[in-house]
Amino acid sequence: MNFENSHADSLPERAAGHPAQPHEQLVDFLPDAVLIVDENGTVVRANPAAAALLGHERSTVEGRGVLDFLPSFDWNLTRLPAAPEHSGGLHAARLRTTARAAGGWSFVAEISAVRLDRRTFHDSIPHGSCLALSLRDVTPDEDERAALSRSLLQAEAVLRTAGEALIGIDAEGRIDLVNPAAARLLGSRASELAGRELLSLLTSLGHDGEPLDAEDAPLPRALRAGRASKLPAQRLRTDDGTCLTADVTVRPVTEEGTVVGAVVALTDRRPYEQLTDEYAAAQTLCLHHHKAELERQQRRTDRAVDHTRELTDFLSGPLMGALRHLHAGTSRLAGDHSRPLWPEATVSLEALAADIRMTMALVDTRSQPYRHDSTPVGPQRRTVLINDVVQAGVRASTAFTGPDRVQFSVHAPRLLVHVDPDDMTTAVGRLIADVIHTDDASVDLGPHHVFVAALHQRSLLRIEVRGPCDGGVREHFDIVQGIATAHGGTLRTHRAPGVSGSTYVLELPSAVQEEAVPGGDETSGTALRPTGRHRSLTA
């Protein structure tokens, strides 16, 4: 580059001994960064602020091309205009560009450029300079502008995607902002709504559907109040005649303590009302289905009750009468000693009469349902001997097993227990009948050996009944299960794999008292006096 010796040509007198004046160094004291550029684009002067901004020593900045620091700088600004009318004056320009500092770091700089006449002498500026550049770092401004731009974009995205209708109005109630949801709600385009009065587009309606007075309507009052308000379930009519129900929220916009507008949010409740109607219709339909199903089930229940009543009447009437007649004839034939019968026939007739009595007991049980199958009244507890309870159950079991069909092994201590003796008698008799019951016709009918034991463990009355068959007959098992539940106890079944027979364990919480004295038979006899509650087990 061709550098001109501007100092030698323009200031010969200074070389002759005239010192520089203080005002000639004014550029060095300016707070802004200043670069003086000649017509070749060379920096001939840089003040300390410019050197600090660019991150170089002042001596390294001066003498270098301006494009080293401002790579995108417009070179035409260093040329003087060709028109003669512009010669001799100062011409200023302002622009923004990217500046390069030491280490390759870049920043956004605002440049104020002033054109100089190189033939004119300027204090503290080398003679022959054509451009004075003032640099200012505007990176924070650019960051704030970018952040503001991003915030505006985000706000616009939120407004566009919001499901609520958002309307911004000025202090006079004119619309200056609407989002798409609000434009759809008001039935117009956003460009057509700008500048229109909100209250002219939304009319408040009363419960009868008639417009309300503008002075008394909730929405105008909330807008005039200038404070945050919530108006639930407002009935409104838009400019195109559409009636709707919406929740309205009014938020004032203030500037330096003065209300300059408001933001009105409208939540359309029509979709929710539609969902409510659909849900109510679905529930009504479901209710009709349930009602129809309940009527069908009621008809089935009525038919089942009628059938049960008919079956009960049949069991307690014709069938029981036929069984009594058959039992009477068989017993009379077995006890008639006037007719010679061989001994085996007499034994068979006696066994047949016993089977008929057992059948009558089962029929009587089903024709008169057991109290624990319907409405339990609770056990009637008394203090009795457990030995007497077990013996009474063994005797009562003959109503189901028949005479001479069972051989018993009974182990029961003479302990006083507080239980319901009728229930315990029923339970022991039913369990004995269950452990010898079988549907296999090839099994020998008897006699069968049954083991019955009673003991107490940890304040529990434990009764075990073991027999040769698997049992599980509902006629017996369900009744004993009901007795155990009524007494707060449990009934468990044990069956050994590969071995026929089963064991029932009945455990009941009982206040077991001390061992009874030898003279306690009166207490036992009184306790086990029949009450008539279990006729089917009365031997």
Protein backbone atom coordinates (compact mmCIF):
# COMPACT_ATOMS: atom_id res chain seq x y z
CA MET A 1 0.00 0.00 0.00
CA ASN A 2 1.17 3.55 -0.77
CA PHE A 3 1.33 5.41 2.56
CA GLU A 4 1.53 9.21 2.44
CA ASN A 5 3.77 11.00 4.90
CA SER A 6 1.01 13.22 6.09
CA HIS A 7 2.95 14.46 9.09
CA ALA A 8 5.88 15.76 7.00
CA ASP A 9 3.69 17.49 4.37
CA SER A 10 1.15 19.18 6.54
CA LEU A 11 2.94 20.11 9.73
CA PRO A 12 6.44 21.36 8.86
CA GLU A 13 6.21 24.01 11.47
CA ARG A 14 5.80 21.47 14.23
CA ALA A 15 9.07 19.87 13.24
CA ALA A 16 10.68 23.31 13.54
CA GLY A 17 10.02 23.46 17.25
CA HIS A 18 6.28 24.17 17.70
CA PRO A 19 4.97 21.67 20.32
CA ALA A 20 1.54 20.01 20.01
CA GLN A 21 -1.29 21.78 21.82
CA PRO A 22 -3.37 19.90 24.45
CA HIS A 23 -6.55 20.06 22.35
CA GLU A 24 -4.72 18.29 19.58
CA GLN A 25 -4.75 15.10 21.70
CA LEU A 26 -8.54 15.29 22.25
CA VAL A 27 -9.12 12.08 20.26
CA ASP A 28 -7.15 10.09 22.83
CA PHE A 29 -9.47 11.18 25.61
CA LEU A 30 -12.72 10.29 23.87
CA PRO A 31 -14.61 7.43 25.63
CA ASP A 32 -15.60 5.89 22.28
CA ALA A 33 -13.20 3.81 20.20
CA VAL A 34 -11.98 5.98 17.28
CA LEU A 35 -10.03 4.84 14.22
CA ILE A 36 -8.61 7.32 11.65
CA VAL A 37 -8.29 5.75 8.18
CA ASP A 38 -6.54 7.18 5.12
CA GLU A 39 -7.61 6.77 1.51
CA ASN A 40 -5.69 3.48 1.21
CA GLY A 41 -7.72 1.93 4.04
CA THR A 42 -4.86 2.02 6.53
CA VAL A 43 -5.43 2.88 10.19
CA VAL A 44 -3.20 5.90 10.79
CA ARG A 45 -4.50 6.74 14.25
CA ALA A 46 -6.22 4.73 17.01
CA ASN A 47 -7.10 6.04 20.45
CA PRO A 48 -6.62 3.91 23.58
CA ALA A 49 -10.35 3.04 23.71
CA ALA A 50 -10.15 1.50 20.21
CA ALA A 51 -7.02 -0.50 21.13
CA ALA A 52 -8.73 -1.82 24.27
CA LEU A 53 -11.92 -2.72 22.35
CA LEU A 54 -9.97 -4.62 19.69
CA GLY A 55 -7.70 -6.31 22.22
CA HIS A 56 -4.43 -5.10 20.68
CA GLU A 57 -1.68 -2.73 21.61
CA ARG A 58 -2.17 0.73 20.13
CA SER A 59 1.04 0.45 18.15
CA THR A 60 -0.11 -2.80 16.51
CA VAL A 61 -3.43 -1.31 15.45
CA GLU A 62 -1.93 1.73 13.73
CA GLY A 63 -0.45 0.91 10.36
CA ARG A 64 -2.71 -2.07 9.66
CA GLY A 65 -5.58 -2.21 7.19
CA VAL A 66 -9.00 -1.45 8.51
CA LEU A 67 -10.31 -4.71 6.98
CA ASP A 68 -8.18 -6.63 9.46
CA PHE A 69 -10.52 -5.37 12.19
CA LEU A 70 -13.73 -4.84 10.16
CA PRO A 71 -13.71 -7.62 7.55
CA SER A 72 -17.18 -6.79 6.18
CA PHE A 73 -16.66 -3.02 6.17
CA ASP A 74 -17.84 -1.27 2.98
CA TRP A 75 -14.68 -0.05 1.27
CA ASN A 76 -16.57 2.58 -0.72
CA LEU A 77 -17.00 4.66 2.39
CA THR A 78 -13.28 5.45 2.25
CA ARG A 79 -13.65 7.09 -1.17
CA LEU A 80 -14.48 10.77 -1.46
CA PRO A 81 -17.54 11.57 -3.58
CA ALA A 82 -16.80 12.57 -7.16
CA ALA A 83 -19.43 15.31 -7.24
CA PRO A 84 -17.83 18.72 -6.80
CA GLU A 85 -20.63 20.01 -4.64
CA HIS A 86 -19.69 17.54 -1.90
CA SER A 87 -16.01 18.52 -1.67
CA GLY A 88 -14.75 20.21 1.44
CA GLY A 89 -17.53 19.05 3.81
CA LEU A 90 -18.03 16.36 6.47
CA HIS A 91 -20.21 13.40 5.47
CA ALA A 92 -21.42 11.05 8.25
CA ALA A 93 -22.69 7.45 7.94
CA ARG A 94 -23.93 4.96 10.56
CA LEU A 95 -24.10 1.17 10.12
CA ARG A 96 -23.66 -2.13 11.94
CA THR A 97 -21.09 -4.75 11.06
CA THR A 98 -19.02 -7.51 12.60
CA ALA A 99 -15.71 -6.53 14.19
CA ARG A 100 -12.79 -8.89 14.74
CA ALA A 101 -10.75 -8.59 17.93
CA ALA A 102 -7.58 -10.28 19.11
CA GLY A 103 -7.63 -14.07 19.15
CA GLY A 104 -10.25 -14.31 16.39
CA TRP A 105 -13.09 -13.25 18.71
CA SER A 106 -15.89 -11.39 16.89
CA PHE A 107 -18.55 -9.03 18.12
CA VAL A 108 -21.28 -6.85 16.66
CA ALA A 109 -20.16 -3.23 16.35
CA GLU A 110 -22.04 -0.09 15.50
CA ILE A 111 -19.91 2.23 13.32
CA SER A 112 -20.32 5.95 12.98
CA ALA A 113 -18.25 7.05 9.94
CA VAL A 114 -17.35 10.67 9.12
CA ARG A 115 -15.72 11.54 5.77
CA LEU A 116 -12.84 13.99 5.96
CA ASP A 117 -11.32 16.23 3.35
CA ARG A 118 -7.73 15.16 3.08
CA ARG A 119 -6.70 18.64 1.92
CA THR A 120 -8.12 20.23 5.08
CA PHE A 121 -6.16 20.34 8.32
CA HIS A 122 -7.89 18.93 11.44
CA ASP A 123 -6.49 19.22 14.94
CA SER A 124 -4.98 15.96 16.28
CA ILE A 125 -5.83 14.15 12.99
CA PRO A 126 -2.98 13.31 10.59
CA HIS A 127 -3.04 15.37 7.39
CA GLY A 128 -4.36 13.36 4.43
CA SER A 129 -6.84 11.21 6.42
CA CYS A 130 -10.16 10.65 4.68
CA LEU A 131 -12.34 8.74 7.25
CA ALA A 132 -12.95 8.82 11.02
CA LEU A 133 -14.62 5.68 12.44
CA SER A 134 -16.25 5.49 15.87
CA LEU A 135 -16.79 1.89 17.10
CA ARG A 136 -19.25 0.77 19.79
CA ASP A 137 -19.79 -2.81 20.96
CA VAL A 138 -23.54 -3.51 20.65
CA THR A 139 -23.37 -7.25 21.40
CA PRO A 140 -25.51 -6.87 24.59
CA ASP A 141 -28.08 -4.94 22.58
CA GLU A 142 -28.10 -7.65 19.94
CA ASP A 143 -28.46 -10.34 22.61
CA GLU A 144 -31.38 -8.50 24.15
CA ARG A 145 -32.93 -8.01 20.74
CA ALA A 146 -32.50 -11.73 19.96
CA ALA A 147 -33.96 -12.68 23.34
CA LEU A 148 -36.87 -10.33 22.73
CA SER A 149 -37.38 -11.82 19.29
CA ARG A 150 -37.37 -15.35 20.74
CA SER A 151 -39.79 -14.29 23.47
CA LEU A 152 -42.10 -12.79 20.87
CA LEU A 153 -41.95 -15.96 18.80
CA GLN A 154 -42.67 -18.09 21.86
CA ALA A 155 -45.51 -15.82 22.92
CA GLU A 156 -46.94 -15.99 19.41
CA ALA A 157 -46.66 -19.79 19.44
CA VAL A 158 -48.40 -19.95 22.83
CA LEU A 159 -51.18 -17.66 21.65
CA ARG A 160 -51.67 -19.66 18.47
CA THR A 161 -51.76 -23.05 20.20
CA ALA A 162 -53.76 -21.98 23.28
CA GLY A 163 -57.15 -23.61 23.51
CA GLU A 164 -58.63 -20.57 25.22
CA ALA A 165 -59.81 -17.58 23.26
CA LEU A 166 -57.46 -14.71 24.19
CA ILE A 167 -58.45 -11.15 23.29
CA GLY A 168 -56.35 -8.07 24.03
CA ILE A 169 -58.12 -4.71 24.20
CA ASP A 170 -56.92 -1.15 24.77
CA ALA A 171 -58.17 1.32 27.35
CA GLU A 172 -61.16 2.19 25.17
CA GLY A 173 -62.25 -1.43 24.76
CA ARG A 174 -61.05 -1.85 21.14
CA ILE A 175 -59.46 -5.10 20.06
CA ASP A 176 -55.76 -4.97 19.30
CA LEU A 177 -54.86 -8.67 19.69
CA VAL A 178 -56.70 -11.94 19.07
CA ASN A 179 -55.44 -15.51 18.83
CA PRO A 180 -56.88 -18.06 16.35
CA ALA A 181 -59.16 -19.57 19.00
CA ALA A 182 -60.70 -16.17 19.67
CA ALA A 183 -61.12 -15.48 15.96
CA ARG A 184 -62.96 -18.80 15.54
CA LEU A 185 -65.10 -18.09 18.59
CA LEU A 186 -66.07 -14.64 17.29
CA GLY A 187 -66.67 -15.96 13.78
CA SER A 188 -64.31 -13.58 11.94
CA ARG A 189 -60.73 -13.32 10.78
CA ALA A 190 -58.15 -11.72 13.05
CA SER A 191 -57.49 -8.91 10.56
CA GLU A 192 -61.20 -8.05 10.50
CA LEU A 193 -61.45 -7.86 14.30
CA ALA A 194 -58.63 -5.35 14.85
CA GLY A 195 -59.95 -2.01 16.07
CA ARG A 196 -63.49 -3.17 16.76
CA GLU A 197 -65.10 -2.81 20.16
CA LEU A 198 -65.26 -6.07 22.08
CA LEU A 199 -68.65 -5.35 23.64
CA SER A 200 -70.13 -4.86 20.18
CA LEU A 201 -69.07 -8.42 19.31
CA LEU A 202 -70.11 -10.11 22.57
CA THR A 203 -73.54 -9.51 24.10
CA SER A 204 -74.32 -10.78 27.61
CA LEU A 205 -77.55 -12.76 27.88
CA GLY A 206 -79.75 -13.48 30.87
CA HIS A 207 -81.15 -16.83 31.92
CA ASP A 208 -84.14 -16.26 29.68
CA GLY A 209 -81.88 -15.71 26.65
CA GLU A 210 -82.63 -11.98 26.39
CA PRO A 211 -79.79 -9.40 26.17
CA LEU A 212 -78.86 -7.69 29.45
CA ASP A 213 -78.45 -3.99 29.97
CA ALA A 214 -74.89 -2.88 29.19
CA GLU A 215 -74.68 -1.17 32.57
CA ASP A 216 -75.68 -4.25 34.55
CA ALA A 217 -74.05 -7.02 32.49
CA PRO A 218 -71.15 -8.78 34.28
CA LEU A 219 -68.62 -8.47 31.42
CA PRO A 220 -68.90 -4.67 30.95
CA ARG A 221 -68.75 -4.17 34.72
CA ALA A 222 -65.58 -6.27 34.94
CA LEU A 223 -63.95 -4.30 32.11
CA ARG A 224 -64.84 -0.98 33.74
CA ALA A 225 -63.59 -2.12 37.17
CA GLY A 226 -59.99 -2.36 35.97
CA ARG A 227 -59.11 -5.32 38.19
CA ALA A 228 -58.79 -9.08 37.76
CA SER A 229 -62.16 -10.79 37.58
CA LYS A 230 -63.48 -14.30 36.99
CA LEU A 231 -66.97 -14.75 35.56
CA PRO A 232 -67.98 -18.42 35.40
CA ALA A 233 -70.67 -19.75 33.06
CA GLN A 234 -71.51 -16.52 31.22
CA ARG A 235 -74.15 -16.78 28.53
CA LEU A 236 -72.99 -14.78 25.50
CA ARG A 237 -74.08 -14.11 21.94
CA THR A 238 -71.53 -13.32 19.24
CA ASP A 239 -71.92 -10.87 16.38
CA ASP A 240 -73.06 -13.62 13.99
CA GLY A 241 -75.88 -14.70 16.34
CA THR A 242 -74.18 -17.75 17.90
CA CYS A 243 -75.15 -18.33 21.53
CA LEU A 244 -72.62 -19.95 23.84
CA THR A 245 -71.69 -20.47 27.48
CA ALA A 246 -68.14 -19.51 28.47
CA ASP A 247 -65.99 -18.92 31.53
CA VAL A 248 -64.63 -15.38 31.27
CA THR A 249 -61.41 -14.16 32.91
CA VAL A 250 -60.41 -10.46 32.76
CA ARG A 251 -56.81 -9.41 33.51
CA PRO A 252 -55.96 -5.68 33.38
CA VAL A 253 -52.77 -4.47 31.68
CA THR A 254 -51.07 -1.61 33.54
CA GLU A 255 -48.23 0.69 32.63
CA GLU A 256 -46.68 2.80 35.38
CA GLY A 257 -49.74 2.26 37.55
CA THR A 258 -52.22 3.23 34.82
CA VAL A 259 -54.59 0.73 33.21
CA VAL A 260 -53.88 0.79 29.49
CA GLY A 261 -55.93 -2.24 28.47
CA ALA A 262 -56.96 -5.75 29.43
CA VAL A 263 -56.65 -9.35 28.33
CA VAL A 264 -59.94 -11.26 28.16
CA ALA A 265 -59.78 -15.07 28.19
CA LEU A 266 -62.86 -17.03 27.11
CA THR A 267 -63.16 -20.77 27.79
CA ASP A 268 -65.91 -22.20 25.63
CA ARG A 269 -67.95 -24.66 27.67
CA ARG A 270 -69.87 -26.09 24.75
CA PRO A 271 -67.47 -29.06 24.29
CA TYR A 272 -67.78 -29.85 28.00
CA GLU A 273 -71.55 -29.54 27.84
CA GLN A 274 -71.55 -31.88 24.85
CA LEU A 275 -69.43 -34.38 26.78
CA THR A 276 -71.80 -34.02 29.74
CA ASP A 277 -74.80 -34.69 27.52
CA GLU A 278 -73.07 -37.70 25.93
CA TYR A 279 -72.12 -39.04 29.35
CA ALA A 280 -75.66 -38.54 30.66
CA ALA A 281 -77.07 -40.30 27.58
CA ALA A 282 -74.62 -43.19 28.04
CA GLN A 283 -75.50 -43.47 31.73
CA THR A 284 -79.21 -43.40 30.90
CA LEU A 285 -78.74 -46.15 28.32
CA CYS A 286 -76.67 -48.16 30.79
CA LEU A 287 -79.37 -47.63 33.43
CA HIS A 288 -82.02 -48.94 31.02
CA HIS A 289 -79.86 -52.00 30.30
CA HIS A 290 -79.32 -52.63 34.02
CA LYS A 291 -83.01 -52.16 34.71
CA ALA A 292 -83.92 -54.63 31.99
CA GLU A 293 -81.30 -57.10 33.26
CA LEU A 294 -82.57 -56.62 36.82
CA GLU A 295 -86.11 -57.36 35.67
CA ARG A 296 -84.90 -60.51 33.89
CA GLN A 297 -82.99 -61.61 36.98
CA GLN A 298 -86.02 -60.84 39.15
CA ARG A 299 -88.21 -63.02 36.91
CA ARG A 300 -85.64 -65.81 37.14
CA THR A 301 -85.49 -65.39 40.91
CA ASP A 302 -89.27 -65.50 41.16
CA ARG A 303 -89.34 -68.67 39.08
CA ALA A 304 -86.59 -70.17 41.24
CA VAL A 305 -88.47 -69.23 44.42
CA ASP A 306 -91.67 -70.74 43.04
CA HIS A 307 -89.79 -73.88 42.04
CA THR A 308 -88.17 -74.07 45.49
CA ARG A 309 -91.52 -73.62 47.17
CA GLU A 310 -93.05 -76.32 44.99
CA LEU A 311 -90.11 -78.64 45.70
CA THR A 312 -90.34 -77.95 49.43
CA ASP A 313 -94.07 -78.63 49.39
CA PHE A 314 -93.42 -81.85 47.49
CA LEU A 315 -90.70 -82.95 49.91
CA SER A 316 -92.73 -82.16 53.02
CA GLY A 317 -95.99 -83.41 51.48
CA PRO A 318 -96.32 -86.32 49.05
CA LEU A 319 -92.74 -87.59 49.29
CA MET A 320 -92.60 -87.44 53.07
CA GLY A 321 -96.04 -89.11 53.25
CA ALA A 322 -94.91 -91.89 50.92
CA LEU A 323 -91.74 -92.41 52.95
CA ARG A 324 -93.71 -92.55 56.21
CA HIS A 325 -96.10 -95.05 54.67
CA LEU A 326 -93.19 -97.16 53.37
CA HIS A 327 -91.39 -96.95 56.71
CA ALA A 328 -94.51 -97.97 58.62
CA GLY A 329 -95.15 -100.95 56.33
CA THR A 330 -91.55 -102.08 56.43
CA SER A 331 -91.33 -101.74 60.21
CA ARG A 332 -94.60 -103.60 60.67
CA LEU A 333 -93.44 -106.40 58.40
CA ALA A 334 -90.07 -106.65 60.18
CA GLY A 335 -91.74 -106.71 63.61
CA ASP A 336 -94.54 -109.17 62.76
CA HIS A 337 -93.53 -112.41 64.53
CA SER A 338 -96.63 -114.23 63.34
CA ARG A 339 -95.14 -114.75 59.90
CA PRO A 340 -92.18 -117.06 59.73
CA LEU A 341 -89.20 -115.35 58.01
CA TRP A 342 -85.68 -116.56 57.85
CA PRO A 343 -83.29 -114.54 60.03
CA GLU A 344 -81.49 -112.91 57.12
CA ALA A 345 -84.76 -111.52 55.75
CA THR A 346 -85.65 -110.02 59.10
CA VAL A 347 -82.23 -108.33 59.31
CA SER A 348 -82.64 -107.00 55.77
CA LEU A 349 -86.08 -105.57 56.59
CA GLU A 350 -84.70 -103.88 59.70
CA ALA A 351 -81.82 -102.38 57.68
CA LEU A 352 -84.27 -101.24 54.99
CA ALA A 353 -86.43 -99.54 57.64
CA ALA A 354 -83.31 -97.80 58.99
CA ASP A 355 -82.42 -96.55 55.51
CA ILE A 356 -85.93 -95.21 55.08
CA ARG A 357 -85.62 -93.34 58.42
CA MET A 358 -82.33 -91.86 57.24
CA THR A 359 -83.95 -90.78 53.97
CA MET A 360 -86.80 -89.20 55.89
CA ALA A 361 -84.30 -87.27 58.04
CA LEU A 362 -82.55 -85.91 54.94
CA VAL A 363 -85.83 -84.93 53.31
CA ASP A 364 -86.97 -83.26 56.53
CA THR A 365 -83.72 -81.27 56.63
CA ARG A 366 -84.21 -79.90 53.12
CA SER A 367 -87.90 -79.23 53.50
CA GLN A 368 -87.16 -77.12 56.61
CA PRO A 369 -83.95 -75.14 55.83
CA TYR A 370 -81.33 -75.00 58.56
CA ARG A 371 -81.21 -71.68 60.38
CA HIS A 372 -77.57 -70.95 59.42
CA ASP A 373 -78.51 -71.20 55.72
CA SER A 374 -80.98 -68.30 56.03
CA THR A 375 -80.88 -65.75 58.85
CA PRO A 376 -78.49 -66.70 61.70
CA VAL A 377 -79.70 -65.76 65.16
CA GLY A 378 -76.42 -66.60 66.86
CA PRO A 379 -75.42 -69.58 68.99
CA GLN A 380 -77.20 -70.14 72.31
CA ARG A 381 -74.21 -70.94 74.53
CA ARG A 382 -74.42 -72.93 77.74
CA THR A 383 -71.92 -74.61 80.05
CA VAL A 384 -71.93 -78.34 79.29
CA LEU A 385 -69.62 -81.33 79.39
CA ILE A 386 -67.84 -81.87 76.11
CA ASN A 387 -68.01 -85.62 76.65
CA ASP A 388 -71.82 -85.48 76.79
CA VAL A 389 -71.92 -83.31 73.65
CA VAL A 390 -69.85 -85.85 71.71
CA GLN A 391 -71.94 -88.78 72.96
CA ALA A 392 -75.14 -86.96 71.97
CA GLY A 393 -73.71 -86.37 68.50
CA VAL A 394 -72.83 -90.07 68.17
CA ARG A 395 -76.39 -91.05 69.10
CA ALA A 396 -77.87 -88.46 66.74
CA SER A 397 -75.82 -89.76 63.80
CA THR A 398 -77.90 -92.96 63.70
CA ALA A 399 -80.69 -90.94 62.07
CA PHE A 400 -78.44 -90.71 58.98
CA THR A 401 -76.34 -93.88 59.23
CA GLY A 402 -78.91 -96.39 60.44
CA PRO A 403 -78.43 -98.86 63.32
CA ASP A 404 -75.46 -101.20 63.49
CA ARG A 405 -73.79 -99.43 60.54
CA VAL A 406 -71.00 -97.74 62.49
CA GLN A 407 -68.51 -98.76 65.16
CA PHE A 408 -67.22 -95.84 67.21
CA SER A 409 -64.00 -95.04 69.00
CA VAL A 410 -64.72 -92.02 71.17
CA HIS A 411 -62.11 -90.08 73.18
CA ALA A 412 -63.52 -87.03 74.99
CA PRO A 413 -62.42 -85.67 78.39
CA ARG A 414 -64.89 -84.55 81.00
CA LEU A 415 -64.36 -80.83 80.54
CA LEU A 416 -66.86 -78.05 81.05
CA VAL A 417 -67.09 -75.85 77.94
CA HIS A 418 -69.26 -72.87 77.07
CA VAL A 419 -70.83 -73.70 73.67
CA ASP A 420 -74.19 -74.20 72.00
CA PRO A 421 -74.86 -77.91 72.72
CA ASP A 422 -77.51 -78.26 70.00
CA ASP A 423 -75.13 -76.94 67.37
CA MET A 424 -72.30 -79.19 68.60
CA THR A 425 -74.61 -82.22 68.57
CA THR A 426 -75.66 -81.41 65.01
CA ALA A 427 -72.06 -80.87 63.89
CA VAL A 428 -70.75 -84.17 65.33
CA GLY A 429 -73.70 -86.16 63.92
CA ARG A 430 -73.37 -84.62 60.44
CA LEU A 431 -69.60 -85.15 60.30
CA ILE A 432 -70.01 -88.82 61.27
CA ALA A 433 -72.62 -89.26 58.54
CA ASP A 434 -70.37 -87.53 56.01
CA VAL A 435 -67.24 -89.66 56.60
CA ILE A 436 -69.15 -92.91 55.92
CA HIS A 437 -71.12 -91.65 52.90
CA THR A 438 -70.22 -93.04 49.49
CA ASP A 439 -71.88 -93.22 46.08
CA ASP A 440 -70.00 -96.39 45.10
CA ALA A 441 -72.48 -99.30 45.13
CA SER A 442 -69.64 -101.86 45.33
CA VAL A 443 -68.46 -100.61 48.73
CA ASP A 444 -69.50 -102.70 51.71
CA LEU A 445 -72.33 -101.01 53.61
CA GLY A 446 -70.89 -101.76 57.01
CA PRO A 447 -70.15 -101.76 59.69
CA HIS A 448 -67.69 -98.85 59.36
CA HIS A 449 -65.22 -97.70 61.99
CA VAL A 450 -65.33 -94.00 62.90
CA PHE A 451 -62.93 -92.26 65.28
CA VAL A 452 -64.22 -89.23 67.26
CA ALA A 453 -62.01 -87.21 69.59
CA ALA A 454 -62.39 -83.93 71.50
CA LEU A 455 -59.63 -81.91 73.17
CA HIS A 456 -58.74 -78.34 74.01
CA GLN A 457 -55.62 -76.48 72.85
CA ARG A 458 -54.82 -72.84 73.62
CA SER A 459 -58.43 -71.97 74.61
CA LEU A 460 -59.75 -73.71 71.48
CA LEU A 461 -62.22 -76.57 71.45
CA ARG A 462 -60.99 -79.07 68.86
CA ILE A 463 -63.22 -81.91 67.61
CA GLU A 464 -61.81 -84.49 65.14
CA VAL A 465 -63.93 -86.97 63.17
CA ARG A 466 -62.17 -89.58 60.99
CA GLY A 467 -63.90 -92.09 58.71
CA PRO A 468 -63.26 -94.50 55.81
CA CYS A 469 -64.90 -92.43 53.03
CA ASP A 470 -64.00 -89.14 51.39
CA GLY A 471 -67.24 -87.38 52.29
CA GLY A 472 -67.90 -83.84 51.13
CA VAL A 473 -71.69 -84.23 50.83
CA ARG A 474 -73.37 -80.83 50.77
CA GLU A 475 -76.25 -82.12 52.89
CA HIS A 476 -73.82 -82.44 55.79
CA PHE A 477 -70.71 -80.36 55.02
CA ASP A 478 -72.52 -77.05 54.35
CA ILE A 479 -74.47 -77.25 57.60
CA VAL A 480 -71.36 -77.91 59.70
CA GLN A 481 -69.54 -75.10 57.85
CA GLY A 482 -72.39 -72.74 58.79
CA ILE A 483 -72.16 -73.80 62.45
CA ALA A 484 -68.40 -73.17 62.49
CA THR A 485 -68.86 -69.71 60.94
CA ALA A 486 -71.62 -68.79 63.41
CA HIS A 487 -69.35 -69.75 66.34
CA GLY A 488 -66.35 -67.85 64.92
CA GLY A 489 -64.44 -71.07 64.27
CA THR A 490 -63.08 -73.03 61.32
CA LEU A 491 -63.73 -76.38 59.66
CA ARG A 492 -60.78 -78.03 57.91
CA THR A 493 -60.54 -81.25 55.91
CA HIS A 494 -57.52 -83.57 55.71
CA ARG A 495 -57.23 -86.27 53.06
CA ALA A 496 -54.07 -88.32 52.80
CA PRO A 497 -52.98 -88.88 49.15
CA GLY A 498 -53.44 -92.47 47.96
CA VAL A 499 -55.40 -93.45 51.07
CA SER A 500 -59.18 -93.60 51.25
CA GLY A 501 -60.94 -91.77 54.02
CA SER A 502 -60.97 -88.24 55.37
CA THR A 503 -60.58 -86.37 58.65
CA TYR A 504 -62.56 -83.31 59.70
CA VAL A 505 -61.17 -80.89 62.28
CA LEU A 506 -63.63 -78.47 63.85
CA GLU A 507 -62.01 -75.71 65.95
CA LEU A 508 -64.15 -73.31 68.00
CA PRO A 509 -63.11 -70.60 70.45
CA SER A 510 -64.47 -71.74 73.80
CA ALA A 511 -64.04 -70.79 77.45
CA VAL A 512 -62.70 -74.18 78.58
CA GLN A 513 -63.14 -74.52 82.32
CA GLU A 514 -61.44 -76.79 84.84
CA GLU A 515 -61.94 -80.55 84.69
CA ALA A 516 -65.42 -81.55 85.87
CA VAL A 517 -65.98 -83.28 89.19
CA PRO A 518 -67.42 -86.81 89.24
CA GLY A 519 -70.83 -85.58 90.30
CA GLY A 520 -71.29 -83.32 87.28
CA ASP A 521 -73.84 -85.53 85.46
CA GLU A 522 -76.77 -83.36 86.53
CA THR A 523 -75.25 -80.34 84.88
CA SER A 524 -74.67 -82.33 81.73
CA GLY A 525 -78.16 -83.76 81.64
CA THR A 526 -79.68 -80.36 82.10
CA ALA A 527 -77.49 -78.83 79.45
CA LEU A 528 -78.33 -81.42 76.80
CA ARG A 529 -82.09 -81.40 77.27
CA PRO A 530 -83.58 -81.29 73.68
CA THR A 531 -84.72 -77.85 72.56
CA GLY A 532 -86.58 -78.94 69.39
CA ARG A 533 -84.43 -76.78 67.12
CA HIS A 534 -82.99 -79.82 65.29
CA ARG A 535 -85.78 -82.34 64.87
CA SER A 536 -83.88 -84.11 62.12
CA LEU A 537 -81.19 -85.12 64.65
CA THR A 538 -83.51 -86.21 67.44
CA ALA A 539 -82.87 -89.96 67.75
